[in-house]
Amino acid sequence: MTQSTRPASHICRDCDGFASVKVTLGGRDRHGHLRTITAHCPTCHGVGTTPARRARLTDWAVAA
C-alpha cells in the first residue's frame, strides 16, 4: 500500500465543499437567458477544501 504524496485537506468549514455557486440577478437578457454571476467562497477561493492543520509541537513535546 502506498501513501499519497498530496497533503491532507479538509472540506471548507464555511461553504461545506460547495465553493462556487451561480446566482441569478433576476430578469433575462435579450436572448432569453437568465443573467447570472458566479460567487466563490472567500475562505477557500472556490476550491472547496482547506489545508489540514499541522500538529504544533509544544515545549513539553520537544523536551521529551
Protein backbone atom coordinates (compact mmCIF):
# COMPACT_ATOMS: atom_id res chain seq x y z
CA MET A 1 0.00 0.00 0.00
CA THR A 2 1.47 3.37 -1.00
CA GLN A 3 0.90 6.64 0.73
CA SER A 4 -0.31 9.71 -1.07
CA THR A 5 2.20 12.50 -1.62
CA ARG A 6 -0.56 15.12 -1.56
CA PRO A 7 -1.08 16.91 1.72
CA ALA A 8 -4.28 16.07 3.53
CA SER A 9 -7.12 18.53 3.11
CA HIS A 10 -10.46 19.08 4.76
CA ILE A 11 -13.79 20.25 3.42
CA CYS A 12 -14.08 24.01 3.85
CA ARG A 13 -15.99 24.84 7.03
CA ASP A 14 -17.58 27.95 5.53
CA CYS A 15 -19.04 26.53 2.31
CA ASP A 16 -19.19 22.78 3.15
CA GLY A 17 -17.48 21.96 -0.15
CA PHE A 18 -19.90 23.96 -2.33
CA ALA A 19 -17.25 26.53 -3.19
CA SER A 20 -18.75 28.16 -6.30
CA VAL A 21 -22.38 28.97 -6.94
CA LYS A 22 -24.33 30.67 -9.70
CA VAL A 23 -26.62 33.45 -8.52
CA THR A 24 -29.40 34.78 -10.72
CA LEU A 25 -29.65 38.53 -10.99
CA GLY A 26 -33.31 38.44 -11.94
CA GLY A 27 -34.60 39.04 -15.40
CA ARG A 28 -33.34 37.76 -18.71
CA ASP A 29 -31.11 39.09 -21.46
CA ARG A 30 -32.32 39.80 -24.98
CA HIS A 31 -31.75 36.14 -25.97
CA GLY A 32 -33.97 34.87 -23.15
CA HIS A 33 -31.13 33.55 -20.97
CA LEU A 34 -31.08 34.10 -17.22
CA ARG A 35 -28.49 36.63 -16.13
CA THR A 36 -26.18 35.02 -13.56
CA ILE A 37 -22.95 35.72 -11.73
CA THR A 38 -20.54 33.25 -10.14
CA ALA A 39 -19.75 33.68 -6.45
CA HIS A 40 -16.73 31.96 -4.90
CA CYS A 41 -16.20 31.15 -1.23
CA PRO A 42 -13.82 33.76 0.24
CA THR A 43 -12.22 31.24 2.61
CA CYS A 44 -11.19 28.52 0.14
CA HIS A 45 -11.21 30.72 -3.00
CA GLY A 46 -13.53 28.40 -4.91
CA VAL A 47 -11.66 25.16 -4.25
CA GLY A 48 -13.95 23.59 -1.64
CA THR A 49 -11.15 22.32 0.60
CA THR A 50 -8.77 23.87 3.08
CA PRO A 51 -5.34 22.55 4.01
CA ALA A 52 -5.15 20.27 7.01
CA ARG A 53 -3.71 21.87 10.10
CA ARG A 54 -0.27 20.70 11.08
CA ALA A 55 0.28 19.48 14.59
CA ARG A 56 2.07 22.12 16.58
CA LEU A 57 4.97 20.98 18.69
CA THR A 58 4.83 22.33 22.20
CA ASP A 59 7.74 22.82 24.55
CA TRP A 60 6.92 19.67 26.51
CA ALA A 61 6.77 17.54 23.31
CA VAL A 62 10.18 18.77 22.18
CA ALA A 63 11.74 18.15 25.60
CA ALA A 64 10.52 14.55 25.71
